[in-house]
Amino acid sequence: MLVPLRAGRSSSAQTGRRTIAWATDLGEMTQSAVERASALERAIVGLRRSGGLEAAAAEALRAISGPIERYPAARAVSPVAGEPRTKWMLSGWACEMRVLPDGRRQIYSFALPGDVVLSRPVNVSGPCSLVALTPIECVDVAHLLSRARKPDRDEISKAMNRALHEMQERRYEAIVRLGRRSAVQRVADLLLELHDRLSDVGLVSDDGFRLPLTQEHFADALGLSVVHVNRSLRTLRLNKLVNFRFGRASGFDRAGLITFSQSSLESLPRTAFAGGDPAAA
C-alpha cells in the first residue's frame, strides 16, 4: 500500500511542477507579447514622425505588422534574393557599413527603432551592408504591404518611402560632421543625433539612454582613431555634458552639447579639453 502512496505523491509533485512550468511559460509568453507590442508602438511613433503616417493607416498597420524577422548581433541583414529589400526596424540597433579590402570599416549610419532602411545583398562590390549591432527585430516592407488593403497600402507605402528618404538625407549631415568638425565635436554631434532620434520613439529617460556602441563603433562612424574617441569622450565627461557607464549615456546635457558642438574651438577655454590642448581635439 505504500507504493501507490509514493506514486501518488510523486504524481502530485510532478503535476505541481508542470503547473509551475506552464505558469512560468505563460508569464514569459505574456511578457514577450507585451514587449513586442511596446516595440511595435514605438516603431509606429517613429514612422508617424519621420514618414507622416496618418492615424487611420497606423491603426491598420497594427493589425497587419509581420511576419517579424529576427537577427542576432553581428549578423548581416541580407535578403535571400539578389535584390535590395526595404526593412522597417521594430527594435534593436543596426548600422549601414562597408568593410574595406584592408579590413577597416566605415559606418555610414545607425538604424534605430522606427527607421526604414535598405537591406542589400552582401557582396564585395556592394556599397554597404546592413549589420545588426544588437539583436534586432524588423519587418520586410514589401511583405507587409502585400497584406494591406488598397487605401491603407498606399498611405503606408508613402510613409515608408518618406522615412527611407529621411534616413538617406541624414547622410548629408554626416558628411558635414566628418568634413567640418573637430574630433570632440564629431562625437558630441553624433550623440545629439542619437539622443534626439531615440527621444522621438520614447527610448530616452532620466536624461539618458541605452548606448550599445563601443569606441570602435564611434571611430568607424566618425573617421577617428580609438585614441581620439577616448579623449573626446573624456572631454565631454569632464565638462559634465554626458556620462558613460555600463552601456548607457546618462546626465545628458543637450543644450551644453549643442553649444560645444557648434562653437569654434578657440572660443572654448583650454580647461574644457582633456589634456588642455584644443589642437588635439
Protein backbone atom coordinates (compact mmCIF):
# COMPACT_ATOMS: atom_id res chain seq x y z
CA MET A 1 0.00 0.00 0.00
CA LEU A 2 2.94 2.24 0.47
CA VAL A 3 3.93 2.02 -3.20
CA PRO A 4 0.73 3.61 -4.56
CA LEU A 5 1.02 6.28 -1.88
CA ARG A 6 4.52 7.18 -3.01
CA ALA A 7 3.41 7.08 -6.61
CA GLY A 8 0.54 9.38 -5.78
CA ARG A 9 2.80 11.87 -4.07
CA SER A 10 5.28 11.74 -6.94
CA SER A 11 2.49 12.26 -9.46
CA SER A 12 1.15 15.16 -7.46
CA ALA A 13 4.57 16.72 -7.19
CA GLN A 14 5.13 16.27 -10.92
CA THR A 15 1.75 17.82 -11.64
CA GLY A 16 2.64 20.73 -9.39
CA ARG A 17 5.95 21.19 -11.15
CA ARG A 18 4.23 21.04 -14.55
CA THR A 19 1.71 23.64 -13.37
CA ILE A 20 4.52 25.92 -12.21
CA ALA A 21 6.35 25.36 -15.51
CA TRP A 22 3.20 26.15 -17.50
CA ALA A 23 2.61 29.26 -15.42
CA THR A 24 6.24 30.32 -15.96
CA ASP A 25 5.97 29.73 -19.70
CA LEU A 26 2.70 31.67 -19.79
CA GLY A 27 4.31 34.53 -17.89
CA GLU A 28 7.24 34.59 -20.30
CA MET A 29 4.89 34.49 -23.27
CA THR A 30 2.82 37.33 -21.80
CA GLN A 31 5.92 39.40 -21.11
CA SER A 32 7.22 38.69 -24.61
CA ALA A 33 3.89 39.74 -26.12
CA VAL A 34 3.93 42.98 -24.11
CA GLU A 35 7.49 43.73 -25.22
CA ARG A 36 6.56 43.09 -28.87
CA ALA A 37 3.53 45.36 -28.57
CA SER A 38 5.65 48.11 -27.00
CA ALA A 39 8.26 47.76 -29.74
CA LEU A 40 5.56 47.98 -32.41
CA GLU A 41 4.07 51.10 -30.83
CA ARG A 42 7.49 52.79 -30.68
CA ALA A 43 8.13 51.90 -34.32
CA ILE A 44 4.76 53.33 -35.33
CA VAL A 45 5.52 56.55 -33.42
CA GLY A 46 8.81 56.77 -35.30
CA LEU A 47 7.08 56.19 -38.65
CA ARG A 48 4.46 58.83 -37.89
CA ARG A 49 7.22 61.33 -37.11
CA SER A 50 9.59 60.57 -39.99
CA GLY A 51 7.08 59.37 -42.57
CA GLY A 52 3.96 61.34 -41.68
CA LEU A 53 1.87 58.18 -41.24
CA GLU A 54 -1.82 59.02 -40.73
CA ALA A 55 -3.69 57.76 -37.67
CA ALA A 56 -6.03 55.52 -39.67
CA ALA A 57 -3.12 53.91 -41.51
CA ALA A 58 -1.31 53.46 -38.20
CA GLU A 59 -4.29 51.50 -36.87
CA ALA A 60 -4.25 49.29 -39.96
CA LEU A 61 -0.51 48.80 -39.54
CA ARG A 62 -1.02 47.45 -36.03
CA ALA A 63 -3.27 44.73 -37.42
CA ILE A 64 -1.02 43.56 -40.26
CA SER A 65 2.53 44.07 -38.99
CA GLY A 66 4.59 40.95 -39.57
CA PRO A 67 5.95 38.45 -40.09
CA ILE A 68 8.76 39.62 -37.82
CA GLU A 69 12.33 38.87 -38.87
CA ARG A 70 14.91 38.43 -36.09
CA TYR A 71 18.67 38.75 -36.41
CA PRO A 72 21.32 38.26 -33.71
CA ALA A 73 24.05 40.81 -33.06
CA ALA A 74 26.83 40.92 -35.68
CA ARG A 75 24.63 39.26 -38.33
CA ALA A 76 24.21 40.90 -41.74
CA VAL A 77 20.59 41.67 -42.57
CA SER A 78 20.85 40.38 -46.12
CA PRO A 79 17.97 39.41 -48.43
CA VAL A 80 17.90 35.87 -49.77
CA ALA A 81 17.14 37.18 -53.26
CA GLY A 82 19.70 39.22 -55.16
CA GLU A 83 17.74 42.48 -54.94
CA PRO A 84 17.74 45.05 -52.11
CA ARG A 85 14.79 44.88 -49.71
CA THR A 86 13.30 47.62 -47.57
CA LYS A 87 13.09 46.83 -43.84
CA TRP A 88 11.16 48.57 -41.06
CA MET A 89 13.03 48.43 -37.74
CA LEU A 90 10.94 47.42 -34.72
CA SER A 91 13.64 47.00 -32.08
CA GLY A 92 17.39 46.97 -31.64
CA TRP A 93 20.29 48.81 -33.27
CA ALA A 94 21.85 48.22 -36.68
CA CYS A 95 24.28 50.10 -38.88
CA GLU A 96 24.97 50.60 -42.56
CA MET A 97 28.64 49.85 -43.07
CA ARG A 98 31.29 48.85 -45.57
CA VAL A 99 34.40 46.79 -44.94
CA LEU A 100 37.41 47.93 -46.97
CA PRO A 101 39.83 45.43 -48.57
CA ASP A 102 42.37 46.06 -45.78
CA GLY A 103 39.79 45.20 -43.10
CA ARG A 104 38.98 48.74 -41.97
CA ARG A 105 35.31 49.64 -41.63
CA GLN A 106 33.30 52.72 -42.47
CA ILE A 107 29.94 53.10 -40.75
CA TYR A 108 27.60 55.31 -42.75
CA SER A 109 24.65 55.50 -40.39
CA PHE A 110 22.91 53.90 -37.43
CA ALA A 111 19.43 52.39 -37.75
CA LEU A 112 17.18 52.67 -34.68
CA PRO A 113 13.62 51.50 -33.84
CA GLY A 114 11.10 53.08 -36.20
CA ASP A 115 13.62 53.64 -39.00
CA VAL A 116 13.14 52.38 -42.54
CA VAL A 117 16.35 51.08 -44.10
CA LEU A 118 17.54 49.32 -47.21
CA SER A 119 18.88 45.80 -46.84
CA ARG A 120 21.32 44.93 -49.63
CA PRO A 121 22.86 41.60 -50.63
CA VAL A 122 26.27 41.09 -49.05
CA ASN A 123 28.95 41.10 -51.74
CA VAL A 124 32.32 42.68 -52.42
CA SER A 125 31.00 45.18 -54.98
CA GLY A 126 28.08 46.34 -52.82
CA PRO A 127 28.18 49.92 -51.50
CA CYS A 128 27.33 48.86 -47.95
CA SER A 129 25.70 46.21 -45.79
CA LEU A 130 23.13 46.43 -43.01
CA VAL A 131 24.56 44.75 -39.90
CA ALA A 132 22.85 44.19 -36.55
CA LEU A 133 24.73 45.77 -33.64
CA THR A 134 22.34 44.24 -31.10
CA PRO A 135 19.65 41.59 -31.59
CA ILE A 136 17.08 43.25 -33.83
CA GLU A 137 13.52 42.73 -35.00
CA CYS A 138 12.34 44.10 -38.32
CA VAL A 139 9.62 43.65 -40.92
CA ASP A 140 10.01 43.30 -44.66
CA VAL A 141 8.06 46.25 -46.07
CA ALA A 142 7.03 44.51 -49.31
CA HIS A 143 5.58 41.57 -47.38
CA LEU A 144 3.78 43.94 -45.04
CA LEU A 145 2.26 45.96 -47.90
CA SER A 146 1.04 42.80 -49.62
CA ARG A 147 -1.26 42.17 -46.63
CA ALA A 148 -2.74 45.68 -46.51
CA ARG A 149 -5.96 46.87 -48.11
CA LYS A 150 -5.56 49.21 -51.09
CA PRO A 151 -6.26 52.55 -49.33
CA ASP A 152 -4.07 51.62 -46.35
CA ARG A 153 -1.40 50.18 -48.62
CA ASP A 154 -0.96 53.46 -50.48
CA GLU A 155 -0.71 55.52 -47.28
CA ILE A 156 1.69 53.08 -45.56
CA SER A 157 3.84 52.89 -48.69
CA LYS A 158 4.13 56.69 -48.86
CA ALA A 159 5.07 56.88 -45.19
CA MET A 160 7.72 54.17 -45.60
CA ASN A 161 9.22 55.92 -48.61
CA ARG A 162 9.32 59.27 -46.80
CA ALA A 163 11.01 57.64 -43.79
CA LEU A 164 13.56 55.94 -46.05
CA HIS A 165 14.23 59.29 -47.75
CA GLU A 166 14.84 60.93 -44.36
CA MET A 167 17.29 58.18 -43.46
CA GLN A 168 19.19 58.87 -46.66
CA GLU A 169 19.04 62.66 -46.23
CA ARG A 170 20.64 62.29 -42.81
CA ARG A 171 23.86 61.31 -44.54
CA TYR A 172 24.39 64.91 -45.68
CA GLU A 173 24.67 65.97 -42.05
CA ALA A 174 27.09 63.10 -41.53
CA ILE A 175 29.27 64.46 -44.35
CA VAL A 176 29.33 67.89 -42.70
CA ARG A 177 30.19 66.22 -39.39
CA LEU A 178 33.13 64.37 -40.95
CA GLY A 179 34.42 67.26 -43.03
CA ARG A 180 33.92 70.35 -40.90
CA ARG A 181 34.02 69.35 -37.22
CA SER A 182 36.84 68.52 -34.85
CA ALA A 183 37.11 65.11 -33.17
CA VAL A 184 35.27 66.09 -29.99
CA GLN A 185 32.65 68.00 -31.96
CA ARG A 186 32.00 64.97 -34.16
CA VAL A 187 31.40 62.83 -31.08
CA ALA A 188 29.14 65.47 -29.49
CA ASP A 189 27.16 65.93 -32.72
CA LEU A 190 26.61 62.18 -33.16
CA LEU A 191 25.47 61.84 -29.54
CA LEU A 192 22.99 64.67 -30.09
CA GLU A 193 21.59 62.95 -33.18
CA LEU A 194 21.21 59.61 -31.42
CA HIS A 195 19.64 61.24 -28.34
CA ASP A 196 17.05 63.14 -30.38
CA ARG A 197 16.12 60.16 -32.55
CA LEU A 198 15.74 57.87 -29.54
CA SER A 199 13.74 60.54 -27.73
CA ASP A 200 11.28 60.65 -30.65
CA VAL A 201 10.38 56.99 -30.04
CA GLY A 202 10.33 57.15 -26.24
CA LEU A 203 13.68 55.50 -25.57
CA VAL A 204 15.18 58.33 -23.50
CA SER A 205 14.52 58.52 -19.78
CA ASP A 206 16.14 60.24 -16.80
CA ASP A 207 18.28 62.38 -19.12
CA GLY A 208 19.89 59.29 -20.60
CA PHE A 209 19.54 56.39 -22.98
CA ARG A 210 20.97 52.97 -23.76
CA LEU A 211 24.10 53.26 -25.92
CA PRO A 212 25.26 49.83 -27.15
CA LEU A 213 28.22 51.28 -29.08
CA THR A 214 31.90 50.65 -28.47
CA GLN A 215 34.64 53.19 -29.01
CA GLU A 216 35.47 51.27 -32.19
CA HIS A 217 31.95 51.96 -33.50
CA PHE A 218 32.40 55.68 -32.83
CA ALA A 219 35.78 55.59 -34.55
CA ASP A 220 34.42 53.80 -37.63
CA ALA A 221 31.47 56.20 -37.90
CA LEU A 222 33.45 59.40 -37.34
CA GLY A 223 36.71 58.75 -39.16
CA LEU A 224 38.74 58.87 -35.95
CA SER A 225 41.21 56.67 -34.14
CA VAL A 226 40.10 54.94 -30.95
CA VAL A 227 42.59 57.16 -29.08
CA HIS A 228 40.83 60.30 -30.36
CA VAL A 229 37.43 58.86 -29.48
CA ASN A 230 38.57 58.04 -25.96
CA ARG A 231 39.99 61.53 -25.48
CA SER A 232 36.83 63.15 -26.87
CA LEU A 233 34.53 61.13 -24.59
CA ARG A 234 36.71 62.08 -21.63
CA THR A 235 36.49 65.75 -22.61
CA LEU A 236 32.69 65.59 -22.69
CA ARG A 237 32.63 63.81 -19.35
CA LEU A 238 34.99 66.34 -17.72
CA ASN A 239 32.70 69.14 -18.89
CA LYS A 240 29.73 67.35 -17.27
CA LEU A 241 27.94 67.11 -20.61
CA VAL A 242 27.39 63.34 -20.56
CA ASN A 243 28.50 60.26 -18.63
CA PHE A 244 29.04 56.76 -19.97
CA ARG A 245 28.64 53.66 -17.85
CA PHE A 246 27.52 50.09 -18.44
CA GLY A 247 26.34 50.75 -21.99
CA ARG A 248 24.28 53.79 -21.07
CA ALA A 249 24.69 57.54 -21.67
CA SER A 250 23.39 59.48 -18.67
CA GLY A 251 23.50 63.02 -17.30
CA PHE A 252 22.84 64.20 -20.86
CA ASP A 253 23.16 68.00 -21.15
CA ARG A 254 21.61 68.59 -24.57
CA ALA A 255 21.94 72.40 -24.52
CA GLY A 256 25.55 72.17 -23.41
CA LEU A 257 26.39 69.63 -26.11
CA ILE A 258 24.83 71.85 -28.78
CA THR A 259 26.97 74.77 -27.64
CA PHE A 260 30.07 72.59 -27.51
CA SER A 261 29.50 71.03 -30.94
CA GLN A 262 28.81 74.32 -32.71
CA SER A 263 31.37 76.62 -31.05
CA SER A 264 34.78 77.29 -32.54
CA LEU A 265 37.50 75.56 -30.57
CA GLU A 266 39.26 78.86 -29.97
CA SER A 267 36.24 80.24 -28.10
CA LEU A 268 36.33 77.44 -25.54
CA PRO A 269 38.68 77.57 -22.53
CA ARG A 270 41.73 75.29 -22.59
CA THR A 271 40.43 73.64 -19.42
CA ALA A 272 37.47 72.33 -21.46
CA PHE A 273 39.69 69.79 -23.20
CA ALA A 274 41.21 66.57 -21.89
CA GLY A 275 44.93 67.30 -21.69
CA GLY A 276 44.27 71.05 -22.00
CA ASP A 277 45.07 71.16 -25.72
CA PRO A 278 42.30 72.31 -28.13
CA ALA A 279 44.50 71.37 -31.10
CA ALA A 280 44.30 67.73 -30.08
CA ALA A 281 40.51 67.83 -30.16
